[in-house]
PDB file of N, CA and C in Angstrom:
ATOM      1  N   UNK A   1       0.929  -1.384  -0.161  1.00  0.00           N
ATOM      2  CA  UNK A   1       0.032   0.000  -0.015  1.00  0.00           C
ATOM      3  C   UNK A   1       0.827   1.303  -0.064  1.00  0.00           C
ATOM      4  N   UNK A   2       0.489   2.446  -0.709  1.00  0.00           N
ATOM      5  CA  UNK A   2       1.261   3.323  -0.875  1.00  0.00           C
ATOM      6  C   UNK A   2       0.362   4.535  -0.417  1.00  0.00           C
ATOM      7  N   UNK A   3       0.618   5.476   0.278  1.00  0.00           N
ATOM      8  CA  UNK A   3       0.091   6.633   0.995  1.00  0.00           C
ATOM      9  C   UNK A   3       0.822   7.730   0.420  1.00  0.00           C
ATOM     10  N   UNK A   4       0.230   8.984  -0.461  1.00  0.00           N
ATOM     11  CA  UNK A   4       1.038   9.761  -0.913  1.00  0.00           C
ATOM     12  C   UNK A   4       0.293  11.095  -0.091  1.00  0.00           C
ATOM     13  N   UNK A   5       1.237  12.350   0.664  1.00  0.00           N
ATOM     14  CA  UNK A   5       0.963  13.299   1.203  1.00  0.00           C
ATOM     15  C   UNK A   5       1.896  14.441   0.315  1.00  0.00           C
ATOM     16  N   UNK A   6       1.742  15.807   0.906  1.00  0.00           N
ATOM     17  CA  UNK A   6       2.258  16.329   0.092  1.00  0.00           C
ATOM     18  C   UNK A   6       4.011  16.692   0.233  1.00  0.00           C
ATOM     19  N   UNK A   7       4.158  15.917   1.588  1.00  0.00           N
ATOM     20  CA  UNK A   7       5.684  15.865   1.783  1.00  0.00           C
ATOM     21  C   UNK A   7       6.376  14.569   1.982  1.00  0.00           C
ATOM     22  N   UNK A   8       5.335  13.554   1.916  1.00  0.00           N
ATOM     23  CA  UNK A   8       5.933  12.249   2.287  1.00  0.00           C
ATOM     24  C   UNK A   8       5.172  11.140   1.207  1.00  0.00           C
ATOM     25  N   UNK A   9       5.963  10.284   1.030  1.00  0.00           N
ATOM     26  CA  UNK A   9       4.985   8.725   0.407  1.00  0.00           C
ATOM     27  C   UNK A   9       5.322   7.488   1.392  1.00  0.00           C
ATOM     28  N   UNK A  10       4.570   7.220   1.920  1.00  0.00           N
ATOM     29  CA  UNK A  10       4.503   6.108   2.561  1.00  0.00           C
ATOM     30  C   UNK A  10       4.074   4.938   2.251  1.00  0.00           C
ATOM     31  N   UNK A  11       4.970   3.870   1.983  1.00  0.00           N
ATOM     32  CA  UNK A  11       4.692   2.445   1.795  1.00  0.00           C
ATOM     33  C   UNK A  11       4.826   1.644   2.686  1.00  0.00           C
ATOM     34  N   UNK A  12       3.998   0.542   2.954  1.00  0.00           N
ATOM     35  CA  UNK A  12       3.596  -0.577   3.901  1.00  0.00           C
ATOM     36  C   UNK A  12       3.663  -1.469   3.472  1.00  0.00           C
ATOM     37  N   UNK A  13       4.460  -2.467   3.572  1.00  0.00           N
ATOM     38  CA  UNK A  13       4.748  -3.886   3.246  1.00  0.00           C
ATOM     39  C   UNK A  13       4.526  -5.078   4.159  1.00  0.00           C
ATOM     40  N   UNK A  14       3.737  -6.038   3.316  1.00  0.00           N
ATOM     41  CA  UNK A  14       3.367  -7.267   4.413  1.00  0.00           C
ATOM     42  C   UNK A  14       3.586  -8.184   3.741  1.00  0.00           C
ATOM     43  N   UNK A  15       3.740  -9.175   4.656  1.00  0.00           N
ATOM     44  CA  UNK A  15       3.891 -10.994   4.137  1.00  0.00           C
ATOM     45  C   UNK A  15       5.412 -11.130   3.769  1.00  0.00           C
ATOM     46  N   UNK A  16       5.195 -11.862   2.717  1.00  0.00           N
ATOM     47  CA  UNK A  16       6.805 -12.081   2.186  1.00  0.00           C
ATOM     48  C   UNK A  16       7.298 -11.599   1.081  1.00  0.00           C
ATOM     49  N   UNK A  17       8.783 -10.967   1.442  1.00  0.00           N
ATOM     50  CA  UNK A  17       9.335 -10.198   0.055  1.00  0.00           C
ATOM     51  C   UNK A  17      10.179 -11.100  -0.317  1.00  0.00           C
ATOM     52  N   UNK A  18       9.892 -12.092  -1.151  1.00  0.00           N
ATOM     53  CA  UNK A  18      10.770 -12.893  -1.904  1.00  0.00           C
ATOM     54  C   UNK A  18      10.198 -12.997  -3.344  1.00  0.00           C
ATOM     55  N   UNK A  19      10.922 -13.755  -4.249  1.00  0.00           N
ATOM     56  CA  UNK A  19      10.737 -14.080  -5.426  1.00  0.00           C
ATOM     57  C   UNK A  19       9.974 -13.025  -6.421  1.00  0.00           C
ATOM     58  N   UNK A  20       8.984 -13.441  -6.974  1.00  0.00           N
ATOM     59  CA  UNK A  20       8.011 -12.768  -7.846  1.00  0.00           C
ATOM     60  C   UNK A  20       7.627 -11.406  -7.181  1.00  0.00           C
ATOM     61  N   UNK A  21       7.386 -11.706  -5.767  1.00  0.00           N
ATOM     62  CA  UNK A  21       6.670 -10.581  -4.921  1.00  0.00           C
ATOM     63  C   UNK A  21       8.058  -9.210  -4.745  1.00  0.00           C
ATOM     64  N   UNK A  22       9.188  -9.802  -4.575  1.00  0.00           N
ATOM     65  CA  UNK A  22      10.034  -8.742  -4.429  1.00  0.00           C
ATOM     66  C   UNK A  22      10.472  -8.095  -5.969  1.00  0.00           C
ATOM     67  N   UNK A  23      10.332  -8.748  -7.167  1.00  0.00           N
ATOM     68  CA  UNK A  23      10.579  -8.261  -8.351  1.00  0.00           C
ATOM     69  C   UNK A  23       9.405  -7.246  -8.709  1.00  0.00           C
ATOM     70  N   UNK A  24       8.225  -7.475  -8.314  1.00  0.00           N
ATOM     71  CA  UNK A  24       6.742  -6.751  -8.338  1.00  0.00           C
ATOM     72  C   UNK A  24       7.320  -5.403  -7.582  1.00  0.00           C
ATOM     73  N   UNK A  25       7.652  -5.274  -6.315  1.00  0.00           N
ATOM     74  CA  UNK A  25       7.880  -4.267  -5.786  1.00  0.00           C
ATOM     75  C   UNK A  25       9.050  -3.418  -6.420  1.00  0.00           C
ATOM     76  N   UNK A  26      10.087  -4.153  -7.057  1.00  0.00           N
ATOM     77  CA  UNK A  26      10.837  -3.082  -7.470  1.00  0.00           C
ATOM     78  C   UNK A  26      10.419  -2.482  -8.538  1.00  0.00           C
ATOM     79  N   UNK A  27       9.514  -3.501  -9.326  1.00  0.00           N
ATOM     80  CA  UNK A  27       9.165  -2.434 -10.426  1.00  0.00           C
ATOM     81  C   UNK A  27       8.296  -1.228 -10.237  1.00  0.00           C
ATOM     82  N   UNK A  28       7.235  -1.443  -8.947  1.00  0.00           N
ATOM     83  CA  UNK A  28       6.526  -0.623  -8.574  1.00  0.00           C
ATOM     84  C   UNK A  28       7.411   0.494  -8.205  1.00  0.00           C
ATOM     85  N   UNK A  29       8.664   0.494  -7.255  1.00  0.00           N
ATOM     86  CA  UNK A  29       9.519   1.027  -7.056  1.00  0.00           C
ATOM     87  C   UNK A  29       9.793   2.341  -8.224  1.00  0.00           C
ATOM     88  N   UNK A  30      10.297   1.537  -9.242  1.00  0.00           N
ATOM     89  CA  UNK A  30      10.874   2.223 -10.168  1.00  0.00           C
ATOM     90  C   UNK A  30       9.754   2.943 -11.038  1.00  0.00           C
ATOM     91  N   UNK A  31       8.701   2.601 -11.080  1.00  0.00           N
ATOM     92  CA  UNK A  31       7.581   3.230 -11.960  1.00  0.00           C
ATOM     93  C   UNK A  31       7.002   4.395 -10.845  1.00  0.00           C
ATOM     94  N   UNK A  32       7.191   4.344 -10.168  1.00  0.00           N
ATOM     95  CA  UNK A  32       6.757   5.563  -8.592  1.00  0.00           C
ATOM     96  C   UNK A  32       8.121   6.657  -8.985  1.00  0.00           C
ATOM     97  N   UNK A  33       9.110   6.426  -9.204  1.00  0.00           N
ATOM     98  CA  UNK A  33      10.359   7.347  -8.806  1.00  0.00           C
ATOM     99  C   UNK A  33      10.044   8.711  -9.012  1.00  0.00           C
ATOM    100  N   UNK A  34       9.519   8.988 -10.061  1.00  0.00           N
ATOM    101  CA  UNK A  34       9.327  10.562 -10.273  1.00  0.00           C
ATOM    102  C   UNK A  34       8.219  11.082  -9.420  1.00  0.00           C
ATOM    103  N   UNK A  35       7.456  10.161  -8.675  1.00  0.00           N
ATOM    104  CA  UNK A  35       6.371  10.715  -8.237  1.00  0.00           C
ATOM    105  C   UNK A  35       6.701  11.102  -6.562  1.00  0.00           C
ATOM    106  N   UNK A  36       8.047  10.688  -6.198  1.00  0.00           N
ATOM    107  CA  UNK A  36       8.721  10.789  -5.041  1.00  0.00           C
ATOM    108  C   UNK A  36       9.444  12.287  -4.826  1.00  0.00           C
ATOM    109  N   UNK A  37      10.031  12.646  -6.473  1.00  0.00           N
ATOM    110  CA  UNK A  37      10.535  13.704  -5.976  1.00  0.00           C
ATOM    111  C   UNK A  37      10.501  14.846  -5.388  1.00  0.00           C
ATOM    112  N   UNK A  38      11.613  15.157  -4.686  1.00  0.00           N
ATOM    113  CA  UNK A  38      11.574  16.242  -3.522  1.00  0.00           C
ATOM    114  C   UNK A  38      10.164  16.005  -2.198  1.00  0.00           C
ATOM    115  N   UNK A  39      10.296  14.641  -2.191  1.00  0.00           N
ATOM    116  CA  UNK A  39       9.308  14.411  -0.654  1.00  0.00           C
ATOM    117  C   UNK A  39      10.301  13.204  -0.073  1.00  0.00           C
ATOM    118  N   UNK A  40       9.723  13.190   1.222  1.00  0.00           N
ATOM    119  CA  UNK A  40      10.721  12.120   1.958  1.00  0.00           C
ATOM    120  C   UNK A  40       9.820  10.481   1.715  1.00  0.00           C
ATOM    121  N   UNK A  41      10.583   9.648   1.820  1.00  0.00           N
ATOM    122  CA  UNK A  41      10.164   8.364   1.803  1.00  0.00           C
ATOM    123  C   UNK A  41      10.207   7.165   2.685  1.00  0.00           C
ATOM    124  N   UNK A  42       8.888   6.863   3.438  1.00  0.00           N
ATOM    125  CA  UNK A  42       9.028   6.029   4.430  1.00  0.00           C
ATOM    126  C   UNK A  42       8.445   4.641   4.101  1.00  0.00           C
ATOM    127  N   UNK A  43       9.282   3.480   4.345  1.00  0.00           N
ATOM    128  CA  UNK A  43       8.741   2.238   4.285  1.00  0.00           C
ATOM    129  C   UNK A  43       8.652   1.522   5.721  1.00  0.00           C
ATOM    130  N   UNK A  44       7.059   0.970   5.959  1.00  0.00           N
ATOM    131  CA  UNK A  44       7.105   0.501   7.281  1.00  0.00           C
ATOM    132  C   UNK A  44       7.254  -1.149   6.640  1.00  0.00           C
ATOM    133  N   UNK A  45       8.060  -1.770   7.207  1.00  0.00           N
ATOM    134  CA  UNK A  45       8.260  -3.565   7.199  1.00  0.00           C
ATOM    135  C   UNK A  45       7.722  -4.057   8.099  1.00  0.00           C
ATOM    136  N   UNK A  46       6.773  -3.570   9.493  1.00  0.00           N
ATOM    137  CA  UNK A  46       6.379  -4.027  10.528  1.00  0.00           C
ATOM    138  C   UNK A  46       5.795  -5.661  10.283  1.00  0.00           C
ATOM    139  N   UNK A  47       5.145  -5.150   9.027  1.00  0.00           N
ATOM    140  CA  UNK A  47       4.103  -6.968   8.999  1.00  0.00           C
ATOM    141  C   UNK A  47       5.229  -7.900   7.573  1.00  0.00           C
ATOM    142  N   UNK A  48       6.178  -7.597   7.291  1.00  0.00           N
ATOM    143  CA  UNK A  48       7.180  -8.218   6.776  1.00  0.00           C
ATOM    144  C   UNK A  48       7.225  -9.512   7.283  1.00  0.00           C
ATOM    145  N   UNK A  49       7.404 -10.891   7.066  1.00  0.00           N
ATOM    146  CA  UNK A  49       7.738 -12.018   7.813  1.00  0.00           C
ATOM    147  C   UNK A  49       8.599 -12.513   7.327  1.00  0.00           C
ATOM    148  N   UNK A  50       9.404 -12.357   6.157  1.00  0.00           N
ATOM    149  CA  UNK A  50      10.361 -12.758   5.509  1.00  0.00           C
ATOM    150  C   UNK A  50      10.857 -12.297   4.558  1.00  0.00           C
ATOM    151  N   UNK A  51      12.243 -12.347   4.141  1.00  0.00           N
ATOM    152  CA  UNK A  51      13.182 -11.384   3.078  1.00  0.00           C
ATOM    153  C   UNK A  51      13.888 -12.741   2.286  1.00  0.00           C
ATOM    154  N   UNK A  52      13.863 -12.784   1.190  1.00  0.00           N
ATOM    155  CA  UNK A  52      14.880 -13.543   0.472  1.00  0.00           C
ATOM    156  C   UNK A  52      15.881 -12.579  -0.204  1.00  0.00           C
ATOM    157  N   UNK A  53      17.218 -13.244  -0.774  1.00  0.00           N
ATOM    158  CA  UNK A  53      18.185 -12.412  -1.294  1.00  0.00           C
ATOM    159  C   UNK A  53      17.538 -11.413  -2.336  1.00  0.00           C
ATOM    160  N   UNK A  54      16.610 -11.585  -3.014  1.00  0.00           N
ATOM    161  CA  UNK A  54      16.189 -10.694  -4.068  1.00  0.00           C
ATOM    162  C   UNK A  54      15.237  -9.489  -3.337  1.00  0.00           C
ATOM    163  N   UNK A  55      14.476  -9.679  -2.546  1.00  0.00           N
ATOM    164  CA  UNK A  55      13.986  -8.821  -1.328  1.00  0.00           C
ATOM    165  C   UNK A  55      14.926  -8.077  -0.860  1.00  0.00           C
ATOM    166  N   UNK A  56      16.183  -8.527  -0.558  1.00  0.00           N
ATOM    167  CA  UNK A  56      17.225  -7.616   0.271  1.00  0.00           C
ATOM    168  C   UNK A  56      17.818  -6.983  -0.933  1.00  0.00           C
ATOM    169  N   UNK A  57      17.828  -7.280  -2.057  1.00  0.00           N
ATOM    170  CA  UNK A  57      18.341  -6.128  -2.896  1.00  0.00           C
ATOM    171  C   UNK A  57      17.407  -4.848  -3.436  1.00  0.00           C
ATOM    172  N   UNK A  58      16.098  -5.526  -3.327  1.00  0.00           N
ATOM    173  CA  UNK A  58      15.066  -4.126  -3.450  1.00  0.00           C
ATOM    174  C   UNK A  58      14.912  -3.450  -2.386  1.00  0.00           C
ATOM    175  N   UNK A  59      15.049  -4.022  -1.390  1.00  0.00           N
ATOM    176  CA  UNK A  59      15.184  -3.004  -0.027  1.00  0.00           C
ATOM    177  C   UNK A  59      16.678  -2.416   0.053  1.00  0.00           C
ATOM    178  N   UNK A  60      17.542  -2.725  -0.381  1.00  0.00           N
ATOM    179  CA  UNK A  60      18.853  -1.823  -0.790  1.00  0.00           C
ATOM    180  C   UNK A  60      18.688  -0.671  -1.607  1.00  0.00           C
ATOM    181  N   UNK A  61      18.137  -1.351  -2.560  1.00  0.00           N
ATOM    182  CA  UNK A  61      18.384  -0.226  -3.720  1.00  0.00           C
ATOM    183  C   UNK A  61      17.244   1.155  -3.079  1.00  0.00           C
ATOM    184  N   UNK A  62      16.110   0.708  -2.371  1.00  0.00           N
ATOM    185  CA  UNK A  62      15.158   1.937  -1.918  1.00  0.00           C
ATOM    186  C   UNK A  62      15.866   2.336  -1.100  1.00  0.00           C
ATOM    187  N   UNK A  63      16.829   1.846  -0.109  1.00  0.00           N
ATOM    188  CA  UNK A  63      17.517   2.483   0.968  1.00  0.00           C
ATOM    189  C   UNK A  63      18.394   3.689   0.333  1.00  0.00           C
ATOM    190  N   UNK A  64      19.054   3.141  -0.847  1.00  0.00           N
ATOM    191  CA  UNK A  64      20.253   3.884  -1.479  1.00  0.00           C
ATOM    192  C   UNK A  64      19.528   4.963  -2.348  1.00  0.00           C
ATOM    193  N   UNK A  65      18.470   4.906  -2.695  1.00  0.00           N
ATOM    194  CA  UNK A  65      17.736   6.217  -3.301  1.00  0.00           C
ATOM    195  C   UNK A  65      16.940   6.623  -1.868  1.00  0.00           C
ATOM    196  N   UNK A  66      17.172   6.868  -1.014  1.00  0.00           N
ATOM    197  CA  UNK A  66      16.772   7.731   0.244  1.00  0.00           C
ATOM    198  C   UNK A  66      15.767   7.162   1.256  1.00  0.00           C
ATOM    199  N   UNK A  67      14.842   5.965   0.828  1.00  0.00           N
ATOM    200  CA  UNK A  67      13.581   5.787   1.494  1.00  0.00           C
ATOM    201  C   UNK A  67      14.413   5.399   2.765  1.00  0.00           C
ATOM    202  N   UNK A  68      13.723   5.592   3.964  1.00  0.00           N
ATOM    203  CA  UNK A  68      14.028   5.360   5.354  1.00  0.00           C
ATOM    204  C   UNK A  68      13.307   3.760   5.679  1.00  0.00           C
ATOM    205  N   UNK A  69      13.964   2.836   6.003  1.00  0.00           N
ATOM    206  CA  UNK A  69      13.085   1.517   6.319  1.00  0.00           C
ATOM    207  C   UNK A  69      13.157   1.467   7.695  1.00  0.00           C
ATOM    208  N   UNK A  70      11.770   1.212   7.859  1.00  0.00           N
ATOM    209  CA  UNK A  70      11.293   1.182   9.824  1.00  0.00           C
ATOM    210  C   UNK A  70      10.813  -0.273   9.848  1.00  0.00           C
ATOM    211  N   UNK A  71      11.005  -0.477  11.151  1.00  0.00           N
ATOM    212  CA  UNK A  71      10.439  -2.192  11.475  1.00  0.00           C
ATOM    213  C   UNK A  71      11.174  -2.360  12.984  1.00  0.00           C
ATOM    214  N   UNK A  72      10.252  -2.861  13.709  1.00  0.00           N
ATOM    215  CA  UNK A  72      10.368  -3.038  15.071  1.00  0.00           C
ATOM    216  C   UNK A  72      10.927  -4.440  15.580  1.00  0.00           C
ATOM    217  N   UNK A  73       9.938  -5.235  14.758  1.00  0.00           N
ATOM    218  CA  UNK A  73      10.103  -6.584  14.991  1.00  0.00           C
ATOM    219  C   UNK A  73      11.690  -7.040  14.985  1.00  0.00           C
ATOM    220  N   UNK A  74      12.171  -8.427  15.777  1.00  0.00           N
ATOM    221  CA  UNK A  74      13.316  -8.595  16.148  1.00  0.00           C
ATOM    222  C   UNK A  74      14.064  -9.032  14.329  1.00  0.00           C
ATOM    223  N   UNK A  75      13.329 -10.013  13.669  1.00  0.00           N
ATOM    224  CA  UNK A  75      13.590 -10.418  12.564  1.00  0.00           C
ATOM    225  C   UNK A  75      13.825  -9.332  11.409  1.00  0.00           C
ATOM    226  N   UNK A  76      13.017  -8.162  11.281  1.00  0.00           N
ATOM    227  CA  UNK A  76      13.134  -7.400   9.987  1.00  0.00           C
ATOM    228  C   UNK A  76      14.431  -6.707  10.669  1.00  0.00           C
ATOM    229  N   UNK A  77      14.565  -5.879  12.192  1.00  0.00           N
ATOM    230  CA  UNK A  77      15.509  -5.308  12.768  1.00  0.00           C
ATOM    231  C   UNK A  77      16.865  -6.116  12.317  1.00  0.00           C
ATOM    232  N   UNK A  78      17.099  -7.300  12.237  1.00  0.00           N
ATOM    233  CA  UNK A  78      18.156  -7.873  12.186  1.00  0.00           C
ATOM    234  C   UNK A  78      18.476  -7.913  10.405  1.00  0.00           C
ATOM    235  N   UNK A  79      17.306  -7.495   9.685  1.00  0.00           N
ATOM    236  CA  UNK A  79      17.336  -7.677   8.284  1.00  0.00           C
ATOM    237  C   UNK A  79      18.152  -6.355   7.412  1.00  0.00           C
ATOM    238  N   UNK A  80      17.360  -5.578   8.341  1.00  0.00           N
ATOM    239  CA  UNK A  80      17.694  -3.830   8.483  1.00  0.00           C
ATOM    240  C   UNK A  80      19.081  -4.029   8.787  1.00  0.00           C
ATOM    241  N   UNK A  81      19.665  -4.121   9.831  1.00  0.00           N
ATOM    242  CA  UNK A  81      21.247  -3.932  10.354  1.00  0.00           C
ATOM    243  C   UNK A  81      21.841  -4.759   8.840  1.00  0.00           C
ATOM    244  N   UNK A  82      21.757  -5.827   8.833  1.00  0.00           N
ATOM    245  CA  UNK A  82      22.221  -6.214   7.638  1.00  0.00           C
ATOM    246  C   UNK A  82      22.747  -5.543   6.583  1.00  0.00           C
ATOM    247  N   UNK A  83      21.527  -5.000   6.108  1.00  0.00           N
ATOM    248  CA  UNK A  83      21.361  -4.008   4.864  1.00  0.00           C
ATOM    249  C   UNK A  83      22.195  -2.766   5.093  1.00  0.00           C
ATOM    250  N   UNK A  84      22.272  -2.209   6.426  1.00  0.00           N
ATOM    251  CA  UNK A  84      22.997  -0.939   6.749  1.00  0.00           C
ATOM    252  C   UNK A  84      24.596  -1.424   6.510  1.00  0.00           C
ATOM    253  N   UNK A  85      24.935  -2.579   6.932  1.00  0.00           N
ATOM    254  CA  UNK A  85      26.345  -2.961   6.660  1.00  0.00           C
ATOM    255  C   UNK A  85      26.632  -3.253   5.140  1.00  0.00           C
ATOM    256  N   UNK A  86      26.015  -3.792   4.672  1.00  0.00           N
ATOM    257  CA  UNK A  86      25.995  -3.921   2.770  1.00  0.00           C
ATOM    258  C   UNK A  86      26.379  -2.524   2.398  1.00  0.00           C
ATOM    259  N   UNK A  87      25.606  -1.346   3.000  1.00  0.00           N
ATOM    260  CA  UNK A  87      25.536  -0.338   2.236  1.00  0.00           C
ATOM    261  C   UNK A  87      26.890   0.494   2.539  1.00  0.00           C
ATOM    262  N   UNK A  88      27.248   0.126   3.985  1.00  0.00           N
ATOM    263  CA  UNK A  88      28.486   0.664   4.304  1.00  0.00           C
ATOM    264  C   UNK A  88      29.684   0.383   3.519  1.00  0.00           C
ATOM    265  N   UNK A  89      29.757  -1.370   3.356  1.00  0.00           N
ATOM    266  CA  UNK A  89      30.764  -1.892   2.700  1.00  0.00           C
ATOM    267  C   UNK A  89      30.511  -1.281   1.266  1.00  0.00           C
ATOM    268  N   UNK A  90      29.711  -1.198   0.679  1.00  0.00           N
ATOM    269  CA  UNK A  90      29.347  -0.554  -0.406  1.00  0.00           C
ATOM    270  C   UNK A  90      29.982   0.940  -0.564  1.00  0.00           C
ATOM    271  N   UNK A  91      29.967   1.476   0.080  1.00  0.00           N
ATOM    272  CA  UNK A  91      30.356   3.059   0.133  1.00  0.00           C
ATOM    273  C   UNK A  91      31.683   2.867   0.462  1.00  0.00           C
ATOM    274  N   UNK A  92      32.098   2.030   1.187  1.00  0.00           N
ATOM    275  CA  UNK A  92      33.789   2.264   1.648  1.00  0.00           C
ATOM    276  C   UNK A  92      34.528   1.882   0.411  1.00  0.00           C
ATOM    277  N   UNK A  93      34.028   0.552  -0.274  1.00  0.00           N
ATOM    278  CA  UNK A  93      34.835   0.175  -1.547  1.00  0.00           C
ATOM    279  C   UNK A  93      34.709   1.255  -2.459  1.00  0.00           C
ATOM    280  N   UNK A  94      33.493   1.711  -2.783  1.00  0.00           N
ATOM    281  CA  UNK A  94      33.498   2.876  -3.653  1.00  0.00           C
ATOM    282  C   UNK A  94      34.630   3.991  -3.528  1.00  0.00           C
ATOM    283  N   UNK A  95      34.693   4.401  -2.080  1.00  0.00           N
ATOM    284  CA  UNK A  95      35.293   5.360  -1.726  1.00  0.00           C
ATOM    285  C   UNK A  95      36.803   4.870  -1.667  1.00  0.00           C
ATOM    286  N   UNK A  96      37.318   3.563  -1.663  1.00  0.00           N
ATOM    287  CA  UNK A  96      38.627   3.394  -1.778  1.00  0.00           C
ATOM    288  C   UNK A  96      38.975   3.259  -3.339  1.00  0.00           C
ATOM    289  N   UNK A  97      37.904   2.794  -4.294  1.00  0.00           N
ATOM    290  CA  UNK A  97      38.512   2.756  -5.615  1.00  0.00           C
ATOM    291  C   UNK A  97      38.586   4.445  -6.166  1.00  0.00           C
ATOM    292  N   UNK A  98      38.326   5.482  -5.551  1.00  0.00           N
ATOM    293  CA  UNK A  98      38.249   6.572  -6.229  1.00  0.00           C
ATOM    294  C   UNK A  98      37.878   7.315  -5.103  1.00  0.00           C
ATOM    295  N   UNK A  99      38.840   7.731  -4.047  1.00  0.00           N
ATOM    296  CA  UNK A  99      38.887   8.305  -2.720  1.00  0.00           C
ATOM    297  C   UNK A  99      38.601   9.810  -3.067  1.00  0.00           C
ATOM    298  N   UNK A 100      39.269  10.627  -4.279  1.00  0.00           N
ATOM    299  CA  UNK A 100      39.009  11.942  -4.381  1.00  0.00           C
ATOM    300  C   UNK A 100      39.135  12.291  -5.888  1.00  0.00           C
ATOM    301  N   UNK A 101      38.478  11.940  -6.843  1.00  0.00           N
ATOM    302  CA  UNK A 101      38.332  12.209  -8.500  1.00  0.00           C
ATOM    303  C   UNK A 101      38.755  13.446  -8.679  1.00  0.00           C
ATOM    304  N   UNK A 102      38.302  14.303  -8.049  1.00  0.00           N
ATOM    305  CA  UNK A 102      39.124  15.773  -8.673  1.00  0.00           C
ATOM    306  C   UNK A 102      40.587  15.735  -8.576  1.00  0.00           C
ATOM    307  N   UNK A 103      41.182  15.027  -7.388  1.00  0.00           N
ATOM    308  CA  UNK A 103      42.723  15.057  -7.166  1.00  0.00           C
ATOM    309  C   UNK A 103      43.358  14.350  -8.737  1.00  0.00           C
ATOM    310  N   UNK A 104      42.514  13.330  -8.737  1.00  0.00           N
ATOM    311  CA  UNK A 104      43.409  12.509 -10.075  1.00  0.00           C
ATOM    312  C   UNK A 104      43.052  13.229 -10.951  1.00  0.00           C
ATOM    313  N   UNK A 105      42.192  14.256 -11.396  1.00  0.00           N
ATOM    314  CA  UNK A 105      42.562  14.925 -12.822  1.00  0.00           C
ATOM    315  C   UNK A 105      43.176  16.087 -12.399  1.00  0.00           C
ATOM    316  N   UNK A 106      43.564  16.481 -11.530  1.00  0.00           N
ATOM    317  CA  UNK A 106      44.467  17.767 -11.102  1.00  0.00           C
ATOM    318  C   UNK A 106      45.723  17.452 -11.120  1.00  0.00           C
ATOM    319  N   UNK A 107      46.219  16.226 -11.154  1.00  0.00           N
ATOM    320  CA  UNK A 107      47.612  15.509 -11.127  1.00  0.00           C
ATOM    321  C   UNK A 107      47.952  15.112 -12.646  1.00  0.00           C
ATOM    322  N   UNK A 108      47.307  14.949 -13.276  1.00  0.00           N
ATOM    323  CA  UNK A 108      47.355  14.507 -14.594  1.00  0.00           C
ATOM    324  C   UNK A 108      48.230  15.696 -15.476  1.00  0.00           C
ATOM    325  N   UNK A 109      49.272  15.199 -16.238  1.00  0.00           N
ATOM    326  CA  UNK A 109      49.860  16.527 -17.031  1.00  0.00           C
ATOM    327  C   UNK A 109      48.634  16.287 -18.228  1.00  0.00           C
ATOM    328  N   UNK A 110      48.472  17.831 -18.852  1.00  0.00           N
ATOM    329  CA  UNK A 110      47.711  18.251 -19.955  1.00  0.00           C
ATOM    330  C   UNK A 110      48.270  17.767 -21.119  1.00  0.00           C
ATOM    331  N   UNK A 111      47.829  17.204 -22.219  1.00  0.00           N
ATOM    332  CA  UNK A 111      48.416  16.708 -23.349  1.00  0.00           C
ATOM    333  C   UNK A 111      48.459  17.942 -24.379  1.00  0.00           C
ATOM    334  N   UNK A 112      49.243  18.103 -25.059  1.00  0.00           N
ATOM    335  CA  UNK A 112      49.178  19.141 -26.254  1.00  0.00           C
ATOM    336  C   UNK A 112      49.335  18.338 -27.445  1.00  0.00           C
ATOM    337  N   UNK A 113      48.211  18.825 -28.428  1.00  0.00           N
ATOM    338  CA  UNK A 113      48.190  18.145 -29.711  1.00  0.00           C
ATOM    339  C   UNK A 113      48.832  18.877 -30.648  1.00  0.00           C
TER     340      UNK A 113
END
């Protein structure tokens, strides 16, 4: 279920976030991207009882695009902590690969043709 207000879009997910349902969620997330511009997005995961790898990927994508994922049950809190760690790892790897792209351009000699 998706609820729109002038300042926020709220998603309420329930049940199992796996397989085809995860793909359906991803499709819906992508198709509503333009409607979220300039607004906060909150995702209520309170009634989600299972998440597989595909579901985790979709949640990670949503979080990386600014969605705030919320849950209070132990299982989902564990899933969200795991996703936060994955985000930190991705951020760290990206930073290590190219810590300061501007510095790279400044140190390269210019070529004259």
